[in-house]
């Protein structure tokens, strides 16, 4: 399964279907900010948000992510194909 960092919606407020994550690191890169986030299972993911969106996020509050199913890519590892 693959999700592009820019396709992950990041918020300080939980919504229906969102997942609580732990903020591990925040890296400003030009006009975007990249967040290293950890799921409860220990899996780490990257999320990328605009500079404006980043300014609305409070690093001292809980973080939640949400992904639109249409932006998820599924792969068949045996045949190396996108499903």
Protein backbone atom coordinates (compact mmCIF):
# COMPACT_ATOMS: atom_id res chain seq x y z
CA UNK A 1 0.00 0.00 0.00
CA UNK A 2 1.28 3.48 -0.80
CA UNK A 3 0.07 6.94 0.10
CA UNK A 4 1.77 10.12 -1.02
CA UNK A 5 2.68 12.46 1.87
CA UNK A 6 0.69 15.31 0.31
CA UNK A 7 -2.45 13.11 0.24
CA UNK A 8 -2.53 12.77 4.04
CA UNK A 9 -4.76 15.31 5.80
CA UNK A 10 -3.28 16.38 9.15
CA UNK A 11 -5.29 18.01 11.94
CA UNK A 12 -5.28 18.69 15.67
CA UNK A 13 -8.92 17.60 15.89
CA UNK A 14 -10.18 14.07 15.55
CA UNK A 15 -12.91 13.49 13.01
CA UNK A 16 -14.92 10.48 11.98
CA UNK A 17 -12.52 8.11 10.25
CA UNK A 18 -9.36 9.87 11.46
CA UNK A 19 -6.45 8.12 13.18
CA UNK A 20 -4.59 9.50 16.19
CA UNK A 21 -0.82 9.68 15.60
CA UNK A 22 2.27 10.81 17.48
CA UNK A 23 4.30 13.72 16.10
CA UNK A 24 7.95 12.61 15.88
CA UNK A 25 9.50 15.42 13.83
CA UNK A 26 8.62 18.52 11.82
CA UNK A 27 10.76 19.74 8.93
CA UNK A 28 10.03 22.96 7.03
CA UNK A 29 10.99 22.58 3.34
CA UNK A 30 10.47 25.74 1.29
CA UNK A 31 6.70 26.19 0.87
CA UNK A 32 5.76 22.88 2.54
CA UNK A 33 6.30 21.29 5.92
CA UNK A 34 6.94 17.56 6.29
CA UNK A 35 5.78 15.76 9.42
CA UNK A 36 7.14 12.42 10.59
CA UNK A 37 4.22 10.73 12.35
CA UNK A 38 3.96 7.42 14.19
CA UNK A 39 0.87 5.24 14.24
CA UNK A 40 -0.06 3.31 17.40
CA UNK A 41 1.37 0.14 15.84
CA UNK A 42 4.77 1.83 15.58
CA UNK A 43 4.62 2.38 11.82
CA UNK A 44 6.07 5.75 10.82
CA UNK A 45 4.68 7.79 7.93
CA UNK A 46 5.42 11.13 6.31
CA UNK A 47 2.78 13.78 5.74
CA UNK A 48 3.33 17.00 3.82
CA UNK A 49 1.24 20.14 4.27
CA UNK A 50 1.41 23.68 2.92
CA UNK A 51 3.15 26.38 4.92
CA UNK A 52 -0.25 27.94 5.67
CA UNK A 53 -1.70 24.64 6.93
CA UNK A 54 1.37 24.07 9.08
CA UNK A 55 0.90 27.42 10.80
CA UNK A 56 -2.60 26.30 11.89
CA UNK A 57 -1.29 23.12 13.55
CA UNK A 58 -0.27 23.23 17.23
CA UNK A 59 2.70 20.92 17.87
CA UNK A 60 1.69 20.68 21.56
CA UNK A 61 -1.75 19.18 20.83
CA UNK A 62 -2.78 15.74 19.61
CA UNK A 63 -2.34 14.99 15.91
CA UNK A 64 -4.79 13.11 13.70
CA UNK A 65 -4.57 11.99 10.10
CA UNK A 66 -7.16 11.12 7.52
CA UNK A 67 -6.68 9.69 4.04
CA UNK A 68 -9.13 9.77 1.16
CA UNK A 69 -9.44 6.18 -0.07
CA UNK A 70 -9.19 7.31 -3.71
CA UNK A 71 -5.61 8.50 -3.02
CA UNK A 72 -4.38 5.11 -1.76
CA UNK A 73 -2.36 2.95 -4.17
CA UNK A 74 -2.43 -0.81 -3.65
CA UNK A 75 0.35 -3.03 -4.94
CA UNK A 76 0.64 -6.75 -5.67
CA UNK A 77 4.12 -7.50 -4.31
CA UNK A 78 4.40 -10.85 -6.09
CA UNK A 79 3.62 -9.51 -9.57
CA UNK A 80 4.91 -5.99 -8.83
CA UNK A 81 1.73 -4.39 -10.16
CA UNK A 82 -0.54 -1.63 -8.97
CA UNK A 83 -3.90 -3.18 -8.15
